[in-house]
Amino acid sequence: MSAGAGVGIRDRGIAALRGLALVPTMVPALALFCLTVTFLPLMVIGIGVLVLPVLITATRGLADFSRRRAEAWTGVHIARPYRPAPKFDRGIPGVVQRTRWMLGDPATWRDLLWSLADLAVGLALAILPLGFIAQGVFGLLQPFLWETLIDAGDSGWYTFLKVDSAGMAVLAVPLGLAYIVFGFFIAPYMLRAHALFTRSLLAPTRKAEMELRVRHLTDTRSEAVDASAAELRRIERDLHDGAQARLVAMGMNLGAAEALLETNPEAARALLTETREASAKALNELRDLVRGIHPPVLADRGLGDAVRALGLESPLHVEVSVDLPGRLEAPVESAGYFAVNEVLTNAAKHAQARNVWVDVRYRAGRLRIEVTDDGRGGAALDKGTGLRGIERRLGTFDGTLALDSPRGGPTTVTMELPCVLSSPKTSPS
């Protein structure tokens, strides 16, 4: 939910209740802060070394939950700032290394600062709307409560009104209504303000973003080089085992046919027929090889028609929806094409699916491809179904892959690639 105009009273009420729901995470966050500060000096006697990794991991888990909650409730994305963990030794030396690595990460200290500050700043932002609403309800009840409160010794002040008569109690009603309206009005803004406050402490700093970016580029560059080397080895293997072997056999057959042409024309004719069939097979293999490198339909008609062709070739019933206002960059089209091809292959081989829906669209500088099947679900990135390879391929272009595959299905694979349109649309969609 985003703050602003157009938010209904129901959404504002939900925002107010969500503000109250922020409070339960603040108490364990403060407890983890206190425990961490307590055990830090105990590192000198070894106890802190054993306990601190557990406390910091718990704090990170709570911070990750707050990041996900902020995005789900307000749309404020908060990236994880933590440095990737290196390999640690076994035993006590590994525990010491892990503790030093965690304490050496600036994000750890920002998490601790957040766990302390969230109880003060976050609590005020979270419960402020409900405070106004509660105060407003109290104002609505003044005509019924003022005498009882005065008899009990209350001063009679309701904010800036001194309610000591029936007339003043009636005046408190519209003021209470105003407080309620104001509380509902500010609820989504306060919820978003809390998310922005959370992002200010839990998001990566500019320096950390640069470090993560450099590390990501280094990893994707290495993966791209490895993928290119593997692709070259595949092409070389396919040429050696396929077309090259047939061409060698054809040359031998032609030599034998030439030797038999005078003495045994029938045998020579049979060898020539066999050679012609071998040449057709070699040509088909070369075409398949070229299609595996860059399909002609992709080069000629673009990603939309190429994905439709994949749907027609699939043994499953595939419905394709395309909304591309123009041609994409060739490398992006190729990455998207082979990603869809791999996902469709997985659906046919592993998912026991019958129907697949593919949605390809371009929005706000990103190519978004969503593939949904009605299979058994239970897919995972680490099960060796090729999804991790797709993720690496997309990562080369700063793309992302998201998998939603509960057991029993359906499975939805969402892929996004940042890109620009390189030419107007040349094919129907």
Protein backbone atom coordinates (compact mmCIF):
# COMPACT_ATOMS: atom_id res chain seq x y z
CA MET A 1 0.00 0.00 0.00
CA SER A 2 1.37 3.41 -0.91
CA ALA A 3 0.51 6.64 0.83
CA GLY A 4 -1.27 9.36 -1.05
CA ALA A 5 -4.51 10.35 -2.65
CA GLY A 6 -6.95 7.67 -3.64
CA VAL A 7 -6.47 5.58 -0.49
CA GLY A 8 -9.86 4.47 0.84
CA ILE A 9 -11.03 4.46 4.43
CA ARG A 10 -10.62 0.67 4.58
CA ASP A 11 -6.99 0.90 3.45
CA ARG A 12 -6.35 3.68 5.94
CA GLY A 13 -7.80 1.54 8.70
CA ILE A 14 -5.57 -1.35 7.64
CA ALA A 15 -2.59 1.01 7.68
CA ALA A 16 -3.45 2.06 11.24
CA LEU A 17 -3.68 -1.56 12.38
CA ARG A 18 -0.43 -2.39 10.60
CA GLY A 19 1.19 0.41 12.53
CA LEU A 20 0.15 -1.40 15.70
CA ALA A 21 1.47 -4.67 14.24
CA LEU A 22 4.92 -3.09 13.94
CA VAL A 23 5.27 -2.95 17.71
CA PRO A 24 5.81 -6.68 18.46
CA THR A 25 9.08 -6.73 16.49
CA MET A 26 10.47 -3.76 18.38
CA VAL A 27 10.66 -5.56 21.73
CA PRO A 28 12.76 -8.55 20.57
CA ALA A 29 14.93 -6.16 18.55
CA LEU A 30 15.70 -4.16 21.69
CA ALA A 31 16.31 -7.39 23.64
CA LEU A 32 18.80 -8.55 21.01
CA PHE A 33 20.53 -5.16 21.16
CA CYS A 34 20.88 -5.39 24.93
CA LEU A 35 22.18 -8.97 24.80
CA THR A 36 24.67 -8.14 22.05
CA VAL A 37 26.03 -5.15 23.97
CA THR A 38 26.26 -7.32 27.10
CA PHE A 39 28.24 -10.10 25.43
CA LEU A 40 30.59 -7.85 23.45
CA PRO A 41 32.97 -7.29 26.42
CA LEU A 42 32.83 -11.01 27.20
CA MET A 43 34.73 -11.77 23.98
CA VAL A 44 37.95 -11.48 25.94
CA ILE A 45 37.06 -14.60 27.95
CA GLY A 46 35.63 -16.50 25.00
CA ILE A 47 31.93 -16.56 25.90
CA GLY A 48 31.13 -13.65 23.61
CA VAL A 49 32.78 -15.39 20.66
CA LEU A 50 30.37 -18.31 21.02
CA VAL A 51 27.20 -16.30 21.68
CA LEU A 52 27.59 -13.22 19.46
CA PRO A 53 27.18 -15.04 16.10
CA VAL A 54 23.83 -16.41 17.30
CA LEU A 55 22.65 -12.99 18.47
CA ILE A 56 23.80 -11.22 15.30
CA THR A 57 22.20 -13.87 13.11
CA ALA A 58 18.92 -13.43 15.00
CA THR A 59 19.17 -9.65 14.61
CA ARG A 60 19.75 -10.06 10.88
CA GLY A 61 16.76 -12.35 10.62
CA LEU A 62 14.58 -9.76 12.35
CA ALA A 63 15.98 -7.03 10.10
CA ASP A 64 15.27 -9.15 6.99
CA PHE A 65 11.71 -9.62 8.18
CA SER A 66 11.36 -5.85 8.57
CA ARG A 67 12.75 -5.31 5.07
CA ARG A 68 10.25 -7.73 3.53
CA ARG A 69 7.41 -6.25 5.57
CA ALA A 70 8.24 -2.71 4.48
CA GLU A 71 8.14 -3.72 0.82
CA ALA A 72 4.96 -5.77 1.18
CA TRP A 73 3.08 -3.07 3.10
CA THR A 74 4.37 0.14 1.54
CA GLY A 75 6.29 -0.80 -1.61
CA VAL A 76 9.57 0.53 -0.15
CA HIS A 77 12.29 -1.86 -1.28
CA ILE A 78 15.20 -2.35 1.12
CA ALA A 79 18.14 -4.32 -0.22
CA ARG A 80 20.20 -6.61 2.02
CA PRO A 81 23.54 -4.95 2.76
CA TYR A 82 25.51 -7.89 4.20
CA ARG A 83 28.83 -8.99 2.82
CA PRO A 84 28.89 -12.57 1.49
CA ALA A 85 30.28 -15.06 3.95
CA PRO A 86 33.73 -16.49 3.18
CA LYS A 87 34.70 -20.09 3.94
CA PHE A 88 35.50 -20.60 7.58
CA ASP A 89 37.75 -23.19 9.19
CA ARG A 90 36.31 -26.01 11.24
CA GLY A 91 35.95 -25.96 14.99
CA ILE A 92 36.76 -23.09 17.30
CA PRO A 93 38.98 -21.24 14.77
CA GLY A 94 36.03 -21.14 12.39
CA VAL A 95 33.76 -19.76 15.11
CA VAL A 96 36.30 -17.02 15.85
CA GLN A 97 36.59 -16.20 12.14
CA ARG A 98 32.83 -16.05 11.79
CA THR A 99 32.51 -13.70 14.77
CA ARG A 100 35.23 -11.41 13.43
CA TRP A 101 33.61 -11.41 9.98
CA MET A 102 30.22 -10.46 11.41
CA LEU A 103 31.61 -7.72 13.64
CA GLY A 104 33.70 -6.40 10.76
CA ASP A 105 30.63 -5.90 8.58
CA PRO A 106 29.34 -2.30 8.93
CA ALA A 107 25.80 -3.60 8.30
CA THR A 108 25.95 -5.41 11.64
CA TRP A 109 26.35 -2.16 13.54
CA ARG A 110 23.63 -0.47 11.50
CA ASP A 111 21.32 -3.36 12.41
CA LEU A 112 22.11 -2.80 16.09
CA LEU A 113 21.47 0.93 15.72
CA TRP A 114 18.14 0.16 14.07
CA SER A 115 17.14 -2.28 16.83
CA LEU A 116 17.68 0.50 19.38
CA ALA A 117 16.26 3.44 17.40
CA ASP A 118 13.19 1.57 16.18
CA LEU A 119 11.74 1.47 19.67
CA ALA A 120 11.88 5.27 19.92
CA VAL A 121 11.37 6.69 16.43
CA GLY A 122 9.59 3.65 15.02
CA LEU A 123 7.20 3.36 17.95
CA ALA A 124 6.15 7.00 17.62
CA LEU A 125 5.49 6.63 13.89
CA ALA A 126 3.70 3.32 14.36
CA ILE A 127 1.19 4.21 17.05
CA LEU A 128 0.63 7.91 16.32
CA PRO A 129 -2.42 7.28 14.06
CA LEU A 130 -4.01 4.93 16.59
CA GLY A 131 -3.31 7.47 19.31
CA PHE A 132 -5.32 10.11 17.46
CA ILE A 133 -8.10 7.63 16.75
CA ALA A 134 -8.26 6.53 20.39
CA GLN A 135 -8.28 10.16 21.51
CA GLY A 136 -11.09 10.83 19.07
CA VAL A 137 -13.15 7.95 20.38
CA PHE A 138 -12.64 9.30 23.88
CA GLY A 139 -14.03 12.63 22.66
CA LEU A 140 -17.12 10.95 21.24
CA LEU A 141 -17.76 9.41 24.66
CA GLN A 142 -17.44 12.68 26.58
CA PRO A 143 -21.24 13.33 26.74
CA PHE A 144 -21.59 10.01 28.54
CA LEU A 145 -18.46 10.09 30.68
CA TRP A 146 -17.79 13.66 31.73
CA GLU A 147 -19.84 13.60 34.93
CA THR A 148 -18.34 10.29 36.04
CA LEU A 149 -14.84 11.57 35.34
CA ILE A 150 -15.45 14.83 37.26
CA ASP A 151 -16.88 12.89 40.20
CA ALA A 152 -13.79 10.68 40.18
CA GLY A 153 -11.57 13.73 40.55
CA ASP A 154 -10.53 14.19 36.91
CA SER A 155 -9.61 17.72 35.88
CA GLY A 156 -12.04 17.52 32.97
CA TRP A 157 -9.55 18.61 30.31
CA TYR A 158 -10.01 16.99 26.90
CA THR A 159 -7.01 18.26 24.95
CA PHE A 160 -7.67 22.07 24.99
CA LEU A 161 -11.34 21.84 26.08
CA LYS A 162 -12.31 21.83 29.75
CA VAL A 163 -15.31 19.52 29.81
CA ASP A 164 -17.14 20.48 32.99
CA SER A 165 -20.67 20.81 31.63
CA ALA A 166 -23.02 19.11 29.20
CA GLY A 167 -22.50 21.87 26.65
CA MET A 168 -18.71 21.46 26.69
CA ALA A 169 -19.15 17.69 26.44
CA VAL A 170 -21.16 18.17 23.25
CA LEU A 171 -18.38 20.41 21.85
CA ALA A 172 -15.91 17.57 22.45
CA VAL A 173 -17.77 15.36 19.96
CA PRO A 174 -16.81 17.22 16.74
CA LEU A 175 -13.28 17.59 18.08
CA GLY A 176 -13.16 13.84 18.63
CA LEU A 177 -14.43 13.27 15.10
CA ALA A 178 -11.67 15.53 13.79
CA TYR A 179 -9.07 13.50 15.71
CA ILE A 180 -10.44 10.25 14.26
CA VAL A 181 -10.43 11.61 10.71
CA PHE A 182 -6.90 12.93 11.19
CA GLY A 183 -5.72 9.59 12.60
CA PHE A 184 -7.11 7.69 9.62
CA PHE A 185 -5.70 10.30 7.24
CA ILE A 186 -2.13 10.11 8.48
CA ALA A 187 -2.05 6.30 8.93
CA PRO A 188 -0.64 5.37 5.49
CA TYR A 189 1.80 8.30 5.61
CA MET A 190 3.10 7.21 9.01
CA LEU A 191 3.40 3.62 7.83
CA ARG A 192 5.43 4.74 4.83
CA ALA A 193 7.49 7.07 7.01
CA HIS A 194 8.34 4.09 9.21
CA ALA A 195 9.39 2.13 6.12
CA LEU A 196 11.61 5.02 4.96
CA PHE A 197 13.10 5.28 8.45
CA THR A 198 13.79 1.54 8.36
CA ARG A 199 15.41 1.89 4.94
CA SER A 200 17.64 4.71 6.18
CA LEU A 201 19.24 2.29 8.65
CA LEU A 202 18.85 -1.15 7.09
CA ALA A 203 19.60 -0.40 3.42
CA PRO A 204 23.18 -0.58 2.11
CA THR A 205 25.21 2.62 2.34
CA ARG A 206 26.53 4.11 -0.90
CA LYS A 207 29.92 2.54 -0.21
CA ALA A 208 28.33 -0.83 0.52
CA GLU A 209 26.23 -0.57 -2.64
CA MET A 210 29.38 0.03 -4.67
CA GLU A 211 31.08 -2.95 -3.04
CA LEU A 212 28.07 -5.18 -3.70
CA ARG A 213 27.85 -3.88 -7.26
CA VAL A 214 31.52 -4.57 -7.95
CA ARG A 215 31.21 -8.05 -6.43
CA HIS A 216 28.08 -8.73 -8.49
CA LEU A 217 29.77 -7.58 -11.69
CA THR A 218 32.81 -9.71 -10.89
CA ASP A 219 30.65 -12.78 -10.28
CA THR A 220 28.47 -12.27 -13.36
CA ARG A 221 31.54 -11.59 -15.53
CA SER A 222 33.09 -14.85 -14.33
CA GLU A 223 29.83 -16.71 -14.94
CA ALA A 224 29.51 -15.16 -18.40
CA VAL A 225 33.05 -16.25 -19.28
CA ASP A 226 32.38 -19.77 -17.99
CA ALA A 227 29.07 -19.95 -19.88
CA SER A 228 30.74 -18.76 -23.09
CA ALA A 229 33.52 -21.33 -22.70
CA ALA A 230 30.95 -24.09 -22.06
CA GLU A 231 28.95 -22.99 -25.11
CA LEU A 232 32.07 -23.05 -27.30
CA ARG A 233 32.90 -26.54 -26.04
CA ARG A 234 29.35 -27.66 -26.82
CA ILE A 235 29.54 -26.26 -30.35
CA GLU A 236 32.94 -27.85 -30.90
CA ARG A 237 31.67 -31.21 -29.59
CA ASP A 238 28.52 -31.08 -31.71
CA LEU A 239 30.53 -30.22 -34.82
CA HIS A 240 33.09 -32.94 -34.13
CA ASP A 241 30.57 -35.67 -33.34
CA GLY A 242 27.97 -34.66 -35.88
CA ALA A 243 28.50 -32.68 -39.05
CA GLN A 244 32.30 -33.09 -39.13
CA ALA A 245 32.09 -36.88 -38.83
CA ARG A 246 29.47 -37.01 -41.60
CA LEU A 247 31.56 -34.78 -43.86
CA VAL A 248 34.59 -37.06 -43.37
CA ALA A 249 32.44 -40.10 -44.17
CA MET A 250 31.10 -38.33 -47.25
CA GLY A 251 34.63 -37.67 -48.46
CA MET A 252 35.53 -41.33 -48.02
CA ASN A 253 32.36 -42.43 -49.84
CA LEU A 254 33.06 -40.10 -52.73
CA GLY A 255 36.61 -41.48 -53.03
CA ALA A 256 35.31 -45.05 -53.03
CA ALA A 257 32.59 -44.16 -55.56
CA GLU A 258 35.21 -42.61 -57.82
CA ALA A 259 37.29 -45.80 -57.66
CA LEU A 260 34.23 -47.99 -58.43
CA LEU A 261 32.81 -45.81 -61.14
CA GLU A 262 34.54 -47.72 -63.97
CA THR A 263 34.41 -51.26 -62.57
CA ASN A 264 31.14 -51.35 -60.60
CA PRO A 265 28.77 -48.48 -61.50
CA GLU A 266 25.94 -49.92 -59.37
CA ALA A 267 28.06 -49.92 -56.23
CA ALA A 268 29.27 -46.42 -57.07
CA ARG A 269 25.65 -45.27 -57.47
CA ALA A 270 24.73 -46.76 -54.10
CA LEU A 271 27.64 -44.96 -52.43
CA LEU A 272 26.58 -41.68 -54.07
CA THR A 273 23.02 -42.17 -52.81
CA GLU A 274 24.32 -42.82 -49.32
CA THR A 275 26.51 -39.72 -49.57
CA ARG A 276 23.56 -37.60 -50.63
CA GLU A 277 21.56 -38.78 -47.60
CA ALA A 278 24.53 -38.10 -45.35
CA SER A 279 24.83 -34.59 -46.77
CA ALA A 280 21.17 -33.90 -45.99
CA LYS A 281 21.67 -35.12 -42.41
CA ALA A 282 24.80 -33.00 -42.04
CA LEU A 283 22.90 -29.98 -43.32
CA ASN A 284 20.11 -30.58 -40.80
CA GLU A 285 22.63 -30.94 -37.99
CA LEU A 286 24.29 -27.69 -39.00
CA ARG A 287 20.90 -25.98 -39.08
CA ASP A 288 20.09 -27.34 -35.61
CA LEU A 289 23.45 -26.12 -34.37
CA VAL A 290 22.86 -22.66 -35.77
CA ARG A 291 19.36 -22.64 -34.31
CA GLY A 292 20.84 -23.49 -30.91
CA ILE A 293 23.24 -20.55 -31.17
CA HIS A 294 20.75 -17.97 -32.41
CA PRO A 295 17.43 -19.14 -33.84
CA PRO A 296 16.59 -17.58 -37.24
CA VAL A 297 13.04 -16.74 -36.10
CA LEU A 298 14.53 -14.78 -33.21
CA ALA A 299 16.81 -12.82 -35.53
CA ASP A 300 14.13 -12.25 -38.16
CA ARG A 301 10.92 -11.74 -36.19
CA GLY A 302 11.95 -10.86 -32.64
CA LEU A 303 11.35 -12.32 -29.22
CA GLY A 304 7.55 -12.43 -29.37
CA ASP A 305 7.33 -14.65 -32.44
CA ALA A 306 10.29 -16.72 -31.27
CA VAL A 307 8.50 -17.51 -27.99
CA ARG A 308 5.34 -18.36 -29.93
CA ALA A 309 7.41 -20.78 -32.02
CA LEU A 310 8.68 -22.39 -28.82
CA GLY A 311 5.09 -22.79 -27.68
CA LEU A 312 4.12 -24.51 -30.93
CA GLU A 313 7.08 -26.90 -30.67
CA SER A 314 6.38 -27.78 -27.02
CA PRO A 315 4.51 -31.01 -26.25
CA LEU A 316 2.40 -29.00 -23.78
CA HIS A 317 -0.50 -26.69 -24.52
CA VAL A 318 1.17 -23.28 -24.39
CA GLU A 319 -0.66 -19.96 -24.48
CA VAL A 320 1.57 -16.98 -25.23
CA SER A 321 0.72 -13.34 -24.55
CA VAL A 322 3.12 -10.72 -25.89
CA ASP A 323 3.12 -6.96 -25.33
CA LEU A 324 6.35 -5.60 -26.78
CA PRO A 325 6.17 -2.15 -28.40
CA GLY A 326 9.40 -2.73 -30.31
CA ARG A 327 12.49 -4.87 -30.80
CA LEU A 328 14.81 -5.40 -27.87
CA GLU A 329 18.57 -5.54 -27.86
CA ALA A 330 19.78 -8.76 -29.48
CA PRO A 331 21.60 -10.11 -26.37
CA VAL A 332 18.52 -9.49 -24.22
CA GLU A 333 16.26 -11.19 -26.76
CA SER A 334 18.61 -14.18 -26.84
CA ALA A 335 18.74 -14.41 -23.04
CA GLY A 336 14.96 -14.17 -22.78
CA TYR A 337 14.42 -16.75 -25.53
CA PHE A 338 16.69 -19.40 -24.05
CA ALA A 339 15.32 -18.74 -20.55
CA VAL A 340 11.77 -19.42 -21.77
CA ASN A 341 13.00 -22.47 -23.66
CA GLU A 342 14.60 -23.88 -20.51
CA VAL A 343 11.51 -23.21 -18.38
CA LEU A 344 9.23 -24.88 -20.94
CA THR A 345 11.59 -27.86 -21.06
CA ASN A 346 11.49 -28.11 -17.25
CA ALA A 347 7.69 -27.97 -17.29
CA ALA A 348 7.53 -30.79 -19.83
CA LYS A 349 10.16 -32.99 -18.15
CA HIS A 350 9.64 -32.48 -14.44
CA ALA A 351 6.39 -30.68 -13.63
CA GLN A 352 3.89 -33.17 -15.10
CA ALA A 353 2.09 -30.12 -16.49
CA ARG A 354 -0.47 -29.99 -19.26
CA ASN A 355 -0.89 -26.27 -19.77
CA VAL A 356 1.57 -23.41 -19.69
CA TRP A 357 0.90 -19.68 -19.87
CA VAL A 358 3.69 -17.36 -21.02
CA ASP A 359 3.35 -13.61 -20.62
CA VAL A 360 6.01 -11.40 -22.24
CA ARG A 361 5.82 -7.65 -21.78
CA TYR A 362 7.96 -4.52 -21.63
CA ARG A 363 7.30 -2.00 -18.87
CA ALA A 364 9.34 0.90 -17.48
CA GLY A 365 12.62 -0.13 -19.06
CA ARG A 366 12.37 -3.81 -18.11
CA LEU A 367 11.52 -6.95 -20.02
CA ARG A 368 9.26 -9.07 -17.81
CA ILE A 369 8.57 -12.72 -18.66
CA GLU A 370 6.19 -14.78 -16.54
CA VAL A 371 5.80 -18.51 -17.18
CA THR A 372 3.09 -20.37 -15.26
CA ASP A 373 2.30 -24.09 -15.50
CA ASP A 374 -0.40 -26.24 -13.90
CA GLY A 375 2.02 -28.97 -12.85
CA ARG A 376 2.69 -30.57 -9.48
CA GLY A 377 4.87 -27.72 -8.16
CA GLY A 378 7.66 -28.18 -5.65
CA ALA A 379 10.33 -26.75 -7.95
CA ALA A 380 13.43 -25.20 -6.36
CA LEU A 381 16.47 -23.37 -7.63
CA ASP A 382 18.82 -25.94 -6.11
CA LYS A 383 17.22 -29.11 -7.50
CA GLY A 384 19.25 -29.23 -10.69
CA THR A 385 16.38 -28.42 -13.04
CA GLY A 386 18.28 -25.71 -14.93
CA LEU A 387 16.72 -22.79 -13.06
CA ARG A 388 20.01 -21.88 -11.44
CA GLY A 389 21.58 -21.73 -14.90
CA ILE A 390 18.79 -19.41 -16.05
CA GLU A 391 19.41 -17.22 -13.01
CA ARG A 392 23.11 -17.01 -13.86
CA ARG A 393 22.34 -16.22 -17.50
CA LEU A 394 19.97 -13.42 -16.49
CA GLY A 395 22.39 -12.18 -13.85
CA THR A 396 24.86 -11.39 -16.63
CA PHE A 397 22.41 -8.67 -17.70
CA ASP A 398 21.53 -7.60 -14.12
CA GLY A 399 18.35 -9.60 -14.51
CA THR A 400 16.45 -11.43 -11.79
CA LEU A 401 14.53 -14.68 -11.47
CA ALA A 402 11.76 -15.29 -8.93
CA LEU A 403 10.25 -18.73 -8.34
CA ASP A 404 6.89 -19.47 -6.73
CA SER A 405 6.22 -23.20 -6.71
CA PRO A 406 4.18 -24.54 -3.79
CA ARG A 407 3.66 -28.30 -3.65
CA GLY A 408 0.63 -29.18 -5.71
CA GLY A 409 1.26 -26.25 -8.03
CA PRO A 410 0.98 -24.04 -9.87
CA THR A 411 4.56 -23.03 -10.61
CA THR A 412 5.29 -19.46 -11.67
CA VAL A 413 8.72 -18.36 -12.87
CA THR A 414 9.09 -14.59 -13.20
CA MET A 415 12.11 -13.19 -15.01
CA GLU A 416 13.03 -9.54 -15.43
CA LEU A 417 15.77 -7.95 -17.52
CA PRO A 418 16.62 -4.24 -17.69
CA CYS A 419 16.77 -3.21 -21.33
CA VAL A 420 15.86 -0.58 -23.90
CA LEU A 421 13.98 -0.80 -27.17
CA SER A 422 16.39 -0.75 -30.09
CA SER A 423 13.92 -0.56 -32.99
CA PRO A 424 10.19 -0.30 -33.64
CA LYS A 425 8.10 -3.42 -33.75
CA THR A 426 8.50 -5.42 -36.94
CA SER A 427 6.16 -8.30 -36.26
CA PRO A 428 2.60 -8.66 -35.03
CA SER A 429 1.96 -9.43 -31.38
